Amino acid sequence: MDQRARIRAGLGLITLACLAAAGWSIVRVRATRVFFEPARLLSRFPVEGGTALNVDFASLRKAGLLDSKAPQELEYKQFVEAAGVDYRRDIDLLVASFSKSGNYFIARGRFDWKKLRAYVVRQGGSCYQDLCRVQGSTPERRISFLPLRDDAIGLAVSGDDLAAARLAHPGPAVVTRPPDAPVWLSLPGSALREMSAIPPGMRIFLTALARADRIVITAGQGGGGIQAHMDATCRTASDAAVLASQLRTTTGMIRDALMTDKEASHDELARTLAAGTFDNSGLRVTGAWPVAKGLIESLTAGI
């Protein structure tokens, strides 16, 4: 083989290698995109139709909404140092499901798996192969987790200390299309009646929403700042009209309280709820609130 032929052959091999690398990169990117599609993540949870939560921490971080200067609580700070995971810097996406069978979480981010396993052992737990488990704060709160990928963790808090294993594989396709928003919460109205630890400022407001069949709340960038939106579905148009009227009345009561109660006037949550507006059409009731950055900081204070 002459010099020119060897050069051509070498260039050909380099070209094939580059094409193969590019093809592999495309396959990996597509596989990652498919894995983290919200509907596919939700299909891994045991029950569809319960309460589901999605938080795009990467978008919140980019918008500067995780830059709270409030000091972290000592317990959380110790956990971060020991386990090597802090949602402010390490978590990009969290999808969660809450039901009577337990609370399930899938998070995308950066994890130090060796540190996490060591933390479990120090807390009196154990790891077998990929699955780790440890006792929670009460006997019925058993915490288990496992890596779903290098950049994804599946975690469960349940009476079953092997519950996280249920997140290892997707189940039947989720029929309901998840909202297209950085932060969203979808829950049945019945879930509000079962909540035992509702903040006082929310109790009167959520009592009205408990009449709805399903409530979807989303939050994202809107005109002039962060906007929260609600879309509640009722069984009848009459129920929707009653719910909208109750929400307007409740909002008015909160406004009156802010005007007469100096302590309440400093409550970021109450101030946000007081700015709500509502409408109803057919079976649906919609609402909107401007969300101040101070509310986010107050909700995440200490963590």
C-alpha atoms as a PDB file:
ATOM      1  CA  MET A   1       0.000   0.000   0.000  1.00  0.00           C
ATOM      2  CA  ASP A   2       1.510   3.323  -1.055  1.00  0.00           C
ATOM      3  CA  GLN A   3       1.738   6.408   1.150  1.00  0.00           C
ATOM      4  CA  ARG A   4      -1.364   8.064  -0.369  1.00  0.00           C
ATOM      5  CA  ALA A   5      -3.485   4.936   0.119  1.00  0.00           C
ATOM      6  CA  ARG A   6      -2.399   4.650   3.759  1.00  0.00           C
ATOM      7  CA  ILE A   7      -3.354   8.286   4.364  1.00  0.00           C
ATOM      8  CA  ARG A   8      -6.784   7.742   2.784  1.00  0.00           C
ATOM      9  CA  ALA A   9      -7.319   4.597   4.860  1.00  0.00           C
ATOM     10  CA  GLY A  10      -6.301   6.438   8.026  1.00  0.00           C
ATOM     11  CA  LEU A  11      -8.630   9.330   7.292  1.00  0.00           C
ATOM     12  CA  GLY A  12     -11.426   6.871   6.611  1.00  0.00           C
ATOM     13  CA  LEU A  13     -10.913   5.156   9.960  1.00  0.00           C
ATOM     14  CA  ILE A  14     -10.846   8.511  11.777  1.00  0.00           C
ATOM     15  CA  THR A  15     -14.067   9.553  10.011  1.00  0.00           C
ATOM     16  CA  LEU A  16     -15.787   6.282  10.957  1.00  0.00           C
ATOM     17  CA  ALA A  17     -14.636   6.668  14.580  1.00  0.00           C
ATOM     18  CA  CYS A  18     -15.978  10.251  14.710  1.00  0.00           C
ATOM     19  CA  LEU A  19     -19.312   9.167  13.221  1.00  0.00           C
ATOM     20  CA  ALA A  20     -19.569   6.287  15.682  1.00  0.00           C
ATOM     21  CA  ALA A  21     -18.799   8.621  18.619  1.00  0.00           C
ATOM     22  CA  ALA A  22     -21.330  11.157  17.394  1.00  0.00           C
ATOM     23  CA  GLY A  23     -23.938   8.441  16.946  1.00  0.00           C
ATOM     24  CA  TRP A  24     -23.303   7.103  20.458  1.00  0.00           C
ATOM     25  CA  SER A  25     -23.595  10.614  21.897  1.00  0.00           C
ATOM     26  CA  ILE A  26     -26.939  11.105  20.142  1.00  0.00           C
ATOM     27  CA  VAL A  27     -28.198   7.771  21.478  1.00  0.00           C
ATOM     28  CA  ARG A  28     -27.125   8.697  25.027  1.00  0.00           C
ATOM     29  CA  VAL A  29     -28.737  12.149  24.830  1.00  0.00           C
ATOM     30  CA  ARG A  30     -31.972  10.661  23.516  1.00  0.00           C
ATOM     31  CA  ALA A  31     -31.961   7.932  26.180  1.00  0.00           C
ATOM     32  CA  THR A  32     -31.462  10.573  28.894  1.00  0.00           C
ATOM     33  CA  ARG A  33     -34.259  12.741  27.499  1.00  0.00           C
ATOM     34  CA  VAL A  34     -36.657   9.793  27.332  1.00  0.00           C
ATOM     35  CA  PHE A  35     -35.759   8.579  30.833  1.00  0.00           C
ATOM     36  CA  PHE A  36     -36.501  11.968  32.393  1.00  0.00           C
ATOM     37  CA  GLU A  37     -39.766  12.669  30.547  1.00  0.00           C
ATOM     38  CA  PRO A  38     -42.233  13.535  33.367  1.00  0.00           C
ATOM     39  CA  ALA A  39     -44.859  11.043  32.196  1.00  0.00           C
ATOM     40  CA  ARG A  40     -42.297   8.205  32.163  1.00  0.00           C
ATOM     41  CA  LEU A  41     -41.021   9.138  35.619  1.00  0.00           C
ATOM     42  CA  LEU A  42     -44.582   9.222  36.968  1.00  0.00           C
ATOM     43  CA  SER A  43     -45.209   5.753  35.508  1.00  0.00           C
ATOM     44  CA  ARG A  44     -42.606   4.372  37.947  1.00  0.00           C
ATOM     45  CA  PHE A  45     -44.684   5.379  40.956  1.00  0.00           C
ATOM     46  CA  PRO A  46     -47.066   2.776  42.419  1.00  0.00           C
ATOM     47  CA  VAL A  47     -50.312   4.730  42.080  1.00  0.00           C
ATOM     48  CA  GLU A  48     -51.641   7.149  39.469  1.00  0.00           C
ATOM     49  CA  GLY A  49     -54.319   9.564  40.639  1.00  0.00           C
ATOM     50  CA  GLY A  50     -52.836  10.444  44.014  1.00  0.00           C
ATOM     51  CA  THR A  51     -50.816  13.552  44.784  1.00  0.00           C
ATOM     52  CA  ALA A  52     -47.899  14.284  42.451  1.00  0.00           C
ATOM     53  CA  LEU A  53     -45.260  17.023  42.610  1.00  0.00           C
ATOM     54  CA  ASN A  54     -42.658  18.213  40.099  1.00  0.00           C
ATOM     55  CA  VAL A  55     -39.901  20.760  40.887  1.00  0.00           C
ATOM     56  CA  ASP A  56     -37.379  21.815  38.246  1.00  0.00           C
ATOM     57  CA  PHE A  57     -34.594  22.950  40.575  1.00  0.00           C
ATOM     58  CA  ALA A  58     -32.254  23.670  37.664  1.00  0.00           C
ATOM     59  CA  SER A  59     -34.664  26.347  36.369  1.00  0.00           C
ATOM     60  CA  LEU A  60     -35.176  27.786  39.852  1.00  0.00           C
ATOM     61  CA  ARG A  61     -31.410  27.906  40.378  1.00  0.00           C
ATOM     62  CA  LYS A  62     -30.904  29.644  37.042  1.00  0.00           C
ATOM     63  CA  ALA A  63     -33.535  32.224  38.018  1.00  0.00           C
ATOM     64  CA  GLY A  64     -31.722  32.918  41.296  1.00  0.00           C
ATOM     65  CA  LEU A  65     -34.547  31.538  43.442  1.00  0.00           C
ATOM     66  CA  LEU A  66     -32.358  29.159  45.451  1.00  0.00           C
ATOM     67  CA  ASP A  67     -29.916  31.818  46.621  1.00  0.00           C
ATOM     68  CA  SER A  68     -31.408  32.168  50.087  1.00  0.00           C
ATOM     69  CA  LYS A  69     -29.030  33.742  52.601  1.00  0.00           C
ATOM     70  CA  ALA A  70     -30.889  32.243  55.562  1.00  0.00           C
ATOM     71  CA  PRO A  71     -28.662  29.956  57.681  1.00  0.00           C
ATOM     72  CA  GLN A  72     -29.359  26.243  57.323  1.00  0.00           C
ATOM     73  CA  GLU A  73     -30.792  24.340  60.269  1.00  0.00           C
ATOM     74  CA  LEU A  74     -28.081  22.367  62.056  1.00  0.00           C
ATOM     75  CA  GLU A  75     -29.690  18.981  61.348  1.00  0.00           C
ATOM     76  CA  TYR A  76     -29.950  19.665  57.623  1.00  0.00           C
ATOM     77  CA  LYS A  77     -26.429  21.098  57.500  1.00  0.00           C
ATOM     78  CA  GLN A  78     -25.074  17.952  59.165  1.00  0.00           C
ATOM     79  CA  PHE A  79     -26.932  15.795  56.648  1.00  0.00           C
ATOM     80  CA  VAL A  80     -25.466  17.765  53.720  1.00  0.00           C
ATOM     81  CA  GLU A  81     -21.949  17.416  55.092  1.00  0.00           C
ATOM     82  CA  ALA A  82     -22.347  13.700  55.807  1.00  0.00           C
ATOM     83  CA  ALA A  83     -24.268  12.600  52.699  1.00  0.00           C
ATOM     84  CA  GLY A  84     -22.799  15.082  50.228  1.00  0.00           C
ATOM     85  CA  VAL A  85     -26.184  16.113  48.757  1.00  0.00           C
ATOM     86  CA  ASP A  86     -27.636  19.635  48.906  1.00  0.00           C
ATOM     87  CA  TYR A  87     -30.713  20.395  46.819  1.00  0.00           C
ATOM     88  CA  ARG A  88     -29.529  23.993  46.295  1.00  0.00           C
ATOM     89  CA  ARG A  89     -26.529  22.851  44.237  1.00  0.00           C
ATOM     90  CA  ASP A  90     -26.893  19.120  43.500  1.00  0.00           C
ATOM     91  CA  ILE A  91     -30.530  18.448  42.531  1.00  0.00           C
ATOM     92  CA  ASP A  92     -31.773  19.472  39.083  1.00  0.00           C
ATOM     93  CA  LEU A  93     -35.194  17.812  39.044  1.00  0.00           C
ATOM     94  CA  LEU A  94     -37.487  16.239  41.625  1.00  0.00           C
ATOM     95  CA  VAL A  95     -40.651  14.281  40.871  1.00  0.00           C
ATOM     96  CA  ALA A  96     -42.652  12.879  43.778  1.00  0.00           C
ATOM     97  CA  SER A  97     -45.775  10.893  44.495  1.00  0.00           C
ATOM     98  CA  PHE A  98     -47.653  10.866  47.811  1.00  0.00           C
ATOM     99  CA  SER A  99     -50.212   8.185  48.648  1.00  0.00           C
ATOM    100  CA  LYS A 100     -51.345   5.959  51.489  1.00  0.00           C
ATOM    101  CA  SER A 101     -48.821   3.311  50.424  1.00  0.00           C
ATOM    102  CA  GLY A 102     -45.954   5.756  50.997  1.00  0.00           C
ATOM    103  CA  ASN A 103     -44.096   8.741  49.598  1.00  0.00           C
ATOM    104  CA  TYR A 104     -41.904   8.168  46.549  1.00  0.00           C
ATOM    105  CA  PHE A 105     -39.272  10.419  44.999  1.00  0.00           C
ATOM    106  CA  ILE A 106     -37.124  10.385  41.869  1.00  0.00           C
ATOM    107  CA  ALA A 107     -34.427  13.040  41.614  1.00  0.00           C
ATOM    108  CA  ARG A 108     -31.965  13.921  38.891  1.00  0.00           C
ATOM    109  CA  GLY A 109     -28.660  15.446  39.952  1.00  0.00           C
ATOM    110  CA  ARG A 110     -25.163  14.763  41.160  1.00  0.00           C
ATOM    111  CA  PHE A 111     -24.735  12.132  43.848  1.00  0.00           C
ATOM    112  CA  ASP A 112     -21.763  10.810  45.790  1.00  0.00           C
ATOM    113  CA  TRP A 113     -23.008   7.230  46.064  1.00  0.00           C
ATOM    114  CA  LYS A 114     -20.159   6.095  48.332  1.00  0.00           C
ATOM    115  CA  LYS A 115     -20.885   8.932  50.755  1.00  0.00           C
ATOM    116  CA  LEU A 116     -24.600   8.156  50.742  1.00  0.00           C
ATOM    117  CA  ARG A 117     -24.009   4.476  51.477  1.00  0.00           C
ATOM    118  CA  ALA A 118     -21.558   5.341  54.254  1.00  0.00           C
ATOM    119  CA  TYR A 119     -24.115   7.754  55.749  1.00  0.00           C
ATOM    120  CA  VAL A 120     -26.749   4.995  55.833  1.00  0.00           C
ATOM    121  CA  VAL A 121     -24.407   2.612  57.631  1.00  0.00           C
ATOM    122  CA  ARG A 122     -23.489   5.284  60.203  1.00  0.00           C
ATOM    123  CA  GLN A 123     -27.194   5.811  60.865  1.00  0.00           C
ATOM    124  CA  GLY A 124     -27.648   2.112  61.639  1.00  0.00           C
ATOM    125  CA  GLY A 125     -28.994   1.148  58.219  1.00  0.00           C
ATOM    126  CA  SER A 126     -27.694  -1.291  55.640  1.00  0.00           C
ATOM    127  CA  CYS A 127     -27.089  -1.648  51.907  1.00  0.00           C
ATOM    128  CA  TYR A 128     -27.405  -4.786  49.798  1.00  0.00           C
ATOM    129  CA  GLN A 129     -26.195  -4.470  46.229  1.00  0.00           C
ATOM    130  CA  ASP A 130     -27.721  -1.158  45.034  1.00  0.00           C
ATOM    131  CA  LEU A 131     -30.569  -0.872  47.572  1.00  0.00           C
ATOM    132  CA  CYS A 132     -29.984   0.967  50.860  1.00  0.00           C
ATOM    133  CA  ARG A 133     -32.430   1.224  53.746  1.00  0.00           C
ATOM    134  CA  VAL A 134     -32.502   2.989  57.100  1.00  0.00           C
ATOM    135  CA  GLN A 135     -35.024   3.666  59.854  1.00  0.00           C
ATOM    136  CA  GLY A 136     -36.785   7.030  59.677  1.00  0.00           C
ATOM    137  CA  SER A 137     -38.030   9.229  62.519  1.00  0.00           C
ATOM    138  CA  THR A 138     -40.893   6.829  63.389  1.00  0.00           C
ATOM    139  CA  PRO A 139     -41.277   3.025  63.097  1.00  0.00           C
ATOM    140  CA  GLU A 140     -43.598   3.321  60.089  1.00  0.00           C
ATOM    141  CA  ARG A 141     -41.197   5.620  58.258  1.00  0.00           C
ATOM    142  CA  ARG A 142     -38.694   3.292  56.617  1.00  0.00           C
ATOM    143  CA  ILE A 143     -36.411   5.066  54.140  1.00  0.00           C
ATOM    144  CA  SER A 144     -34.979   3.193  51.175  1.00  0.00           C
ATOM    145  CA  PHE A 145     -33.165   4.342  48.045  1.00  0.00           C
ATOM    146  CA  LEU A 146     -31.194   3.093  45.058  1.00  0.00           C
ATOM    147  CA  PRO A 147     -29.494   4.584  41.997  1.00  0.00           C
ATOM    148  CA  LEU A 148     -31.687   4.406  38.885  1.00  0.00           C
ATOM    149  CA  ARG A 149     -28.784   5.813  36.859  1.00  0.00           C
ATOM    150  CA  ASP A 150     -25.533   7.535  37.797  1.00  0.00           C
ATOM    151  CA  ASP A 151     -27.464  10.829  37.782  1.00  0.00           C
ATOM    152  CA  ALA A 152     -30.806   9.656  39.204  1.00  0.00           C
ATOM    153  CA  ILE A 153     -31.931   8.363  42.587  1.00  0.00           C
ATOM    154  CA  GLY A 154     -35.163   6.609  43.533  1.00  0.00           C
ATOM    155  CA  LEU A 155     -36.182   7.060  47.173  1.00  0.00           C
ATOM    156  CA  ALA A 156     -39.177   5.914  49.205  1.00  0.00           C
ATOM    157  CA  VAL A 157     -40.532   6.628  52.682  1.00  0.00           C
ATOM    158  CA  SER A 158     -42.906   3.818  53.558  1.00  0.00           C
ATOM    159  CA  GLY A 159     -43.713   1.075  56.022  1.00  0.00           C
ATOM    160  CA  ASP A 160     -41.957  -1.243  53.568  1.00  0.00           C
ATOM    161  CA  ASP A 161     -38.183  -0.867  53.823  1.00  0.00           C
ATOM    162  CA  LEU A 162     -37.763  -2.240  50.278  1.00  0.00           C
ATOM    163  CA  ALA A 163     -40.277   0.184  48.730  1.00  0.00           C
ATOM    164  CA  ALA A 164     -37.683   2.056  46.628  1.00  0.00           C
ATOM    165  CA  ALA A 165     -37.175  -1.105  44.560  1.00  0.00           C
ATOM    166  CA  ARG A 166     -40.590  -0.437  43.013  1.00  0.00           C
ATOM    167  CA  LEU A 167     -39.095   2.615  41.286  1.00  0.00           C
ATOM    168  CA  ALA A 168     -36.494   0.585  39.389  1.00  0.00           C
ATOM    169  CA  HIS A 169     -38.693   0.006  36.325  1.00  0.00           C
ATOM    170  CA  PRO A 170     -41.435   2.032  34.584  1.00  0.00           C
ATOM    171  CA  GLY A 171     -44.985   0.764  34.832  1.00  0.00           C
ATOM    172  CA  PRO A 172     -48.074   1.309  32.649  1.00  0.00           C
ATOM    173  CA  ALA A 173     -48.074   4.598  30.752  1.00  0.00           C
ATOM    174  CA  VAL A 174     -49.547   7.573  32.591  1.00  0.00           C
ATOM    175  CA  VAL A 175     -52.618   8.741  30.683  1.00  0.00           C
ATOM    176  CA  THR A 176     -52.874  12.256  32.114  1.00  0.00           C
ATOM    177  CA  ARG A 177     -50.403  14.664  30.547  1.00  0.00           C
ATOM    178  CA  PRO A 178     -48.293  16.422  33.211  1.00  0.00           C
ATOM    179  CA  PRO A 179     -48.392  20.249  33.268  1.00  0.00           C
ATOM    180  CA  ASP A 180     -45.714  22.098  31.311  1.00  0.00           C
ATOM    181  CA  ALA A 181     -44.295  24.251  34.116  1.00  0.00           C
ATOM    182  CA  PRO A 182     -41.114  24.290  36.248  1.00  0.00           C
ATOM    183  CA  VAL A 183     -43.134  23.646  39.403  1.00  0.00           C
ATOM    184  CA  TRP A 184     -46.469  21.888  39.590  1.00  0.00           C
ATOM    185  CA  LEU A 185     -48.616  20.062  42.107  1.00  0.00           C
ATOM    186  CA  SER A 186     -51.549  17.826  41.208  1.00  0.00           C
ATOM    187  CA  LEU A 187     -53.800  16.467  43.936  1.00  0.00           C
ATOM    188  CA  PRO A 188     -57.372  15.324  44.573  1.00  0.00           C
ATOM    189  CA  GLY A 189     -59.531  17.557  46.737  1.00  0.00           C
ATOM    190  CA  SER A 190     -59.916  14.666  49.184  1.00  0.00           C
ATOM    191  CA  ALA A 191     -56.186  14.891  49.972  1.00  0.00           C
ATOM    192  CA  LEU A 192     -56.736  18.347  51.486  1.00  0.00           C
ATOM    193  CA  ARG A 193     -59.236  16.921  53.952  1.00  0.00           C
ATOM    194  CA  GLU A 194     -56.666  14.373  55.115  1.00  0.00           C
ATOM    195  CA  MET A 195     -53.802  16.807  55.728  1.00  0.00           C
ATOM    196  CA  SER A 196     -53.102  16.959  59.454  1.00  0.00           C
ATOM    197  CA  ALA A 197     -50.471  19.724  59.511  1.00  0.00           C
ATOM    198  CA  ILE A 198     -51.870  22.610  57.484  1.00  0.00           C
ATOM    199  CA  PRO A 199     -50.387  26.054  58.229  1.00  0.00           C
ATOM    200  CA  PRO A 200     -53.010  28.321  59.888  1.00  0.00           C
ATOM    201  CA  GLY A 201     -52.851  30.800  57.017  1.00  0.00           C
ATOM    202  CA  MET A 202     -53.770  28.060  54.567  1.00  0.00           C
ATOM    203  CA  ARG A 203     -56.434  26.194  56.528  1.00  0.00           C
ATOM    204  CA  ILE A 204     -59.413  28.404  55.693  1.00  0.00           C
ATOM    205  CA  PHE A 205     -58.315  28.617  52.062  1.00  0.00           C
ATOM    206  CA  LEU A 206     -57.799  24.872  51.583  1.00  0.00           C
ATOM    207  CA  THR A 207     -61.117  24.030  53.201  1.00  0.00           C
ATOM    208  CA  ALA A 208     -62.858  25.541  50.180  1.00  0.00           C
ATOM    209  CA  LEU A 209     -60.613  23.731  47.689  1.00  0.00           C
ATOM    210  CA  ALA A 210     -61.386  20.378  49.311  1.00  0.00           C
ATOM    211  CA  ARG A 211     -64.699  20.467  47.395  1.00  0.00           C
ATOM    212  CA  ALA A 212     -62.895  20.041  44.053  1.00  0.00           C
ATOM    213  CA  ASP A 213     -62.321  16.678  42.398  1.00  0.00           C
ATOM    214  CA  ARG A 214     -58.753  17.546  41.362  1.00  0.00           C
ATOM    215  CA  ILE A 215     -56.572  20.614  41.748  1.00  0.00           C
ATOM    216  CA  VAL A 216     -53.521  21.418  39.643  1.00  0.00           C
ATOM    217  CA  ILE A 217     -51.278  24.270  40.784  1.00  0.00           C
ATOM    218  CA  THR A 218     -48.394  25.463  38.615  1.00  0.00           C
ATOM    219  CA  ALA A 219     -45.734  28.113  39.118  1.00  0.00           C
ATOM    220  CA  GLY A 220     -43.332  29.709  36.677  1.00  0.00           C
ATOM    221  CA  GLN A 221     -42.054  32.950  35.229  1.00  0.00           C
ATOM    222  CA  GLY A 222     -44.848  35.298  34.183  1.00  0.00           C
ATOM    223  CA  GLY A 223     -45.253  38.937  33.303  1.00  0.00           C
ATOM    224  CA  GLY A 224     -43.287  40.920  35.871  1.00  0.00           C
ATOM    225  CA  GLY A 225     -42.183  37.959  38.008  1.00  0.00           C
ATOM    226  CA  ILE A 226     -43.278  34.569  39.254  1.00  0.00           C
ATOM    227  CA  GLN A 227     -46.897  33.606  38.765  1.00  0.00           C
ATOM    228  CA  ALA A 228     -48.837  30.752  40.348  1.00  0.00           C
ATOM    229  CA  HIS A 229     -51.918  29.368  38.607  1.00  0.00           C
ATOM    230  CA  MET A 230     -54.614  26.982  39.755  1.00  0.00           C
ATOM    231  CA  ASP A 231     -56.939  24.828  37.669  1.00  0.00           C
ATOM    232  CA  ALA A 232     -59.553  22.963  39.711  1.00  0.00           C
ATOM    233  CA  THR A 233     -62.078  20.533  38.238  1.00  0.00           C
ATOM    234  CA  CYS A 234     -65.450  20.054  39.905  1.00  0.00           C
ATOM    235  CA  ARG A 235     -68.194  17.480  39.385  1.00  0.00           C
ATOM    236  CA  THR A 236     -70.814  19.981  38.283  1.00  0.00           C
ATOM    237  CA  ALA A 237     -70.935  23.556  36.999  1.00  0.00           C
ATOM    238  CA  SER A 238     -72.908  24.468  40.118  1.00  0.00           C
ATOM    239  CA  ASP A 239     -70.123  23.116  42.331  1.00  0.00           C
ATOM    240  CA  ALA A 240     -67.591  25.136  40.327  1.00  0.00           C
ATOM    241  CA  ALA A 241     -69.599  28.339  40.795  1.00  0.00           C
ATOM    242  CA  VAL A 242     -69.880  27.721  44.546  1.00  0.00           C
ATOM    243  CA  LEU A 243     -66.138  26.997  44.814  1.00  0.00           C
ATOM    244  CA  ALA A 244     -65.188  30.177  42.943  1.00  0.00           C
ATOM    245  CA  SER A 245     -67.480  32.203  45.208  1.00  0.00           C
ATOM    246  CA  GLN A 246     -65.985  30.616  48.334  1.00  0.00           C
ATOM    247  CA  LEU A 247     -62.440  31.314  47.163  1.00  0.00           C
ATOM    248  CA  ARG A 248     -63.261  34.969  46.502  1.00  0.00           C
ATOM    249  CA  THR A 249     -64.871  35.258  49.934  1.00  0.00           C
ATOM    250  CA  THR A 250     -61.922  33.592  51.655  1.00  0.00           C
ATOM    251  CA  THR A 251     -59.472  35.846  49.809  1.00  0.00           C
ATOM    252  CA  GLY A 252     -61.451  38.879  50.954  1.00  0.00           C
ATOM    253  CA  MET A 253     -61.299  37.672  54.558  1.00  0.00           C
ATOM    254  CA  ILE A 254     -57.509  37.301  54.300  1.00  0.00           C
ATOM    255  CA  ARG A 255     -57.236  40.845  52.891  1.00  0.00           C
ATOM    256  CA  ASP A 256     -59.297  42.194  55.793  1.00  0.00           C
ATOM    257  CA  ALA A 257     -57.082  40.336  58.280  1.00  0.00           C
ATOM    258  CA  LEU A 258     -53.954  41.835  56.734  1.00  0.00           C
ATOM    259  CA  MET A 259     -55.397  45.326  57.160  1.00  0.00           C
ATOM    260  CA  THR A 260     -56.333  44.868  60.827  1.00  0.00           C
ATOM    261  CA  ASP A 261     -53.693  42.462  62.156  1.00  0.00           C
ATOM    262  CA  LYS A 262     -50.124  43.821  62.216  1.00  0.00           C
ATOM    263  CA  GLU A 263     -48.647  40.359  62.787  1.00  0.00           C
ATOM    264  CA  ALA A 264     -50.542  38.899  59.840  1.00  0.00           C
ATOM    265  CA  SER A 265     -49.319  41.702  57.581  1.00  0.00           C
ATOM    266  CA  HIS A 266     -45.789  40.231  57.785  1.00  0.00           C
ATOM    267  CA  ASP A 267     -46.959  36.761  56.729  1.00  0.00           C
ATOM    268  CA  GLU A 268     -45.644  36.251  53.173  1.00  0.00           C
ATOM    269  CA  LEU A 269     -48.045  33.362  52.518  1.00  0.00           C
ATOM    270  CA  ALA A 270     -51.084  35.360  53.638  1.00  0.00           C
ATOM    271  CA  ARG A 271     -50.026  38.320  51.486  1.00  0.00           C
ATOM    272  CA  THR A 272     -49.694  36.024  48.472  1.00  0.00           C
ATOM    273  CA  LEU A 273     -53.110  34.437  49.026  1.00  0.00           C
ATOM    274  CA  ALA A 274     -54.698  37.875  49.452  1.00  0.00           C
ATOM    275  CA  ALA A 275     -53.636  38.817  45.906  1.00  0.00           C
ATOM    276  CA  GLY A 276     -55.471  35.902  44.305  1.00  0.00           C
ATOM    277  CA  THR A 277     -58.065  36.303  41.537  1.00  0.00           C
ATOM    278  CA  PHE A 278     -60.548  33.621  40.448  1.00  0.00           C
ATOM    279  CA  ASP A 279     -62.862  32.731  37.606  1.00  0.00           C
ATOM    280  CA  ASN A 280     -65.089  29.797  36.738  1.00  0.00           C
ATOM    281  CA  SER A 281     -66.355  28.319  33.496  1.00  0.00           C
ATOM    282  CA  GLY A 282     -68.286  25.074  33.255  1.00  0.00           C
ATOM    283  CA  LEU A 283     -66.697  22.486  35.537  1.00  0.00           C
ATOM    284  CA  ARG A 284     -63.460  24.446  35.962  1.00  0.00           C
ATOM    285  CA  VAL A 285     -62.319  27.058  38.458  1.00  0.00           C
ATOM    286  CA  THR A 286     -59.105  28.938  37.706  1.00  0.00           C
ATOM    287  CA  GLY A 287     -57.025  31.160  39.957  1.00  0.00           C
ATOM    288  CA  ALA A 288     -53.834  33.208  39.754  1.00  0.00           C
ATOM    289  CA  TRP A 289     -51.428  34.738  42.277  1.00  0.00           C
ATOM    290  CA  PRO A 290     -48.248  36.801  41.938  1.00  0.00           C
ATOM    291  CA  VAL A 291     -45.533  35.112  44.010  1.00  0.00           C
ATOM    292  CA  ALA A 292     -42.934  37.272  45.769  1.00  0.00           C
ATOM    293  CA  LYS A 293     -39.392  35.961  46.147  1.00  0.00           C
ATOM    294  CA  GLY A 294     -39.799  36.524  49.899  1.00  0.00           C
ATOM    295  CA  LEU A 295     -42.394  33.730  50.013  1.00  0.00           C
ATOM    296  CA  ILE A 296     -39.984  31.241  48.447  1.00  0.00           C
ATOM    297  CA  GLU A 297     -37.257  32.276  50.895  1.00  0.00           C
ATOM    298  CA  SER A 298     -39.621  31.872  53.866  1.00  0.00           C
ATOM    299  CA  LEU A 299     -40.723  28.409  52.685  1.00  0.00           C
ATOM    300  CA  THR A 300     -37.131  27.214  52.227  1.00  0.00           C
ATOM    301  CA  ALA A 301     -35.665  28.927  55.293  1.00  0.00           C
ATOM    302  CA  GLY A 302     -33.314  26.616  57.144  1.00  0.00           C
ATOM    303  CA  ILE A 303     -32.818  24.122  54.322  1.00  0.00           C
END
